Amino acid sequence: MMAPIRRNTDRGSSSPYPGDFLYSLAIFSSLTKAKQDNRDRSRISQSEPYEVEHFHQKHKHLSHADAVRIIKGAGGNREKADAAAEKARR
């Protein structure tokens, strides 16, 4: 019979689960994500299908091919692509 796995609880930790690596990793990753800026949010990648699909769903009056063409024409700039899509609506 195998001995039960014991956690290292003798370390002073503020974690409710002292010595729990996954809990520590979750806390660390949430702290590091909070420090990231949103530079990527201003861009649309035409090579990422989910981004093109999101743009297409946002501008339902466009066909999928028109959405790709507008993103390509805007050079991936989200603001320019949104403006071009609104202009195409008229």
Protein backbone atom coordinates (compact mmCIF):
# COMPACT_ATOMS: atom_id res chain seq x y z
CA MET A 1 0.00 0.00 0.00
CA MET A 2 1.28 3.45 -0.94
CA ALA A 3 1.61 6.22 1.59
CA PRO A 4 -0.68 9.21 1.10
CA ILE A 5 0.85 12.25 -0.58
CA ARG A 6 1.43 14.99 1.94
CA ARG A 7 1.54 18.65 1.14
CA ASN A 8 4.34 20.79 2.41
CA THR A 9 2.42 22.81 5.00
CA ASP A 10 5.34 23.99 7.11
CA ARG A 11 5.99 26.98 4.81
CA GLY A 12 4.45 30.25 5.88
CA SER A 13 1.94 31.03 3.15
CA SER A 14 -1.14 33.18 2.88
CA SER A 15 -2.69 30.63 0.53
CA PRO A 16 -5.70 28.73 1.87
CA TYR A 17 -3.93 25.71 0.39
CA PRO A 18 -0.34 26.01 1.60
CA GLY A 19 2.14 24.37 -0.70
CA ASP A 20 -0.39 23.98 -3.52
CA PHE A 21 1.55 24.71 -6.70
CA LEU A 22 -1.50 25.04 -8.96
CA TYR A 23 -3.13 27.55 -6.62
CA SER A 24 0.08 29.60 -6.54
CA LEU A 25 0.31 29.44 -10.33
CA ALA A 26 -3.29 30.65 -10.70
CA ILE A 27 -2.61 33.62 -8.41
CA PHE A 28 0.61 34.46 -10.25
CA SER A 29 -0.97 34.28 -13.70
CA SER A 30 -3.90 36.46 -12.63
CA LEU A 31 -1.46 39.07 -11.34
CA THR A 32 0.66 39.04 -14.49
CA LYS A 33 -2.39 39.22 -16.77
CA ALA A 34 -3.54 42.34 -14.96
CA LYS A 35 -0.30 44.04 -15.96
CA GLN A 36 -0.72 43.41 -19.69
CA ASP A 37 -1.82 46.24 -21.91
CA ASN A 38 -4.35 46.04 -24.70
CA ARG A 39 -2.14 46.74 -27.72
CA ASP A 40 -3.35 43.58 -29.42
CA ARG A 41 -6.99 44.62 -29.11
CA SER A 42 -6.45 47.46 -31.58
CA ARG A 43 -5.50 44.98 -34.30
CA ILE A 44 -7.43 42.41 -36.33
CA SER A 45 -5.51 39.48 -37.76
CA GLN A 46 -6.92 38.24 -41.05
CA SER A 47 -5.05 34.96 -40.56
CA GLU A 48 -7.03 34.19 -37.38
CA PRO A 49 -10.46 32.83 -38.37
CA TYR A 50 -12.07 33.69 -35.02
CA GLU A 51 -11.12 37.37 -35.37
CA VAL A 52 -12.50 37.59 -38.89
CA GLU A 53 -15.66 35.80 -37.75
CA HIS A 54 -16.07 38.22 -34.83
CA PHE A 55 -15.69 41.19 -37.19
CA HIS A 56 -18.18 39.59 -39.58
CA GLN A 57 -20.70 39.01 -36.76
CA LYS A 58 -20.28 42.60 -35.58
CA HIS A 59 -20.98 43.91 -39.08
CA LYS A 60 -23.73 41.54 -40.21
CA HIS A 61 -24.45 43.56 -43.35
CA LEU A 62 -21.10 42.42 -44.82
CA SER A 63 -20.40 39.14 -46.52
CA HIS A 64 -17.48 37.11 -45.20
CA ALA A 65 -15.41 37.99 -48.28
CA ASP A 66 -16.17 41.70 -47.78
CA ALA A 67 -15.08 41.46 -44.14
CA VAL A 68 -11.75 39.91 -45.15
CA ARG A 69 -11.28 42.55 -47.88
CA ILE A 70 -11.97 45.40 -45.44
CA ILE A 71 -9.59 43.99 -42.80
CA LYS A 72 -6.89 43.55 -45.44
CA GLY A 73 -7.48 47.10 -46.73
CA ALA A 74 -7.27 48.57 -43.23
CA GLY A 75 -3.98 46.80 -42.62
CA GLY A 76 -5.37 45.10 -39.53
CA ASN A 77 -6.21 48.38 -37.77
CA ARG A 78 -9.50 47.77 -35.93
CA GLU A 79 -10.65 51.40 -35.91
CA LYS A 80 -10.06 51.84 -39.65
CA ALA A 81 -11.76 48.52 -40.40
CA ASP A 82 -14.80 49.45 -38.30
CA ALA A 83 -15.02 52.84 -40.03
CA ALA A 84 -14.76 51.21 -43.47
CA ALA A 85 -17.45 48.68 -42.55
CA GLU A 86 -19.79 51.46 -41.44
CA LYS A 87 -19.05 53.36 -44.64
CA ALA A 88 -19.87 50.23 -46.66
CA ARG A 89 -23.24 50.05 -44.90
CA ARG A 90 -24.35 53.31 -46.53
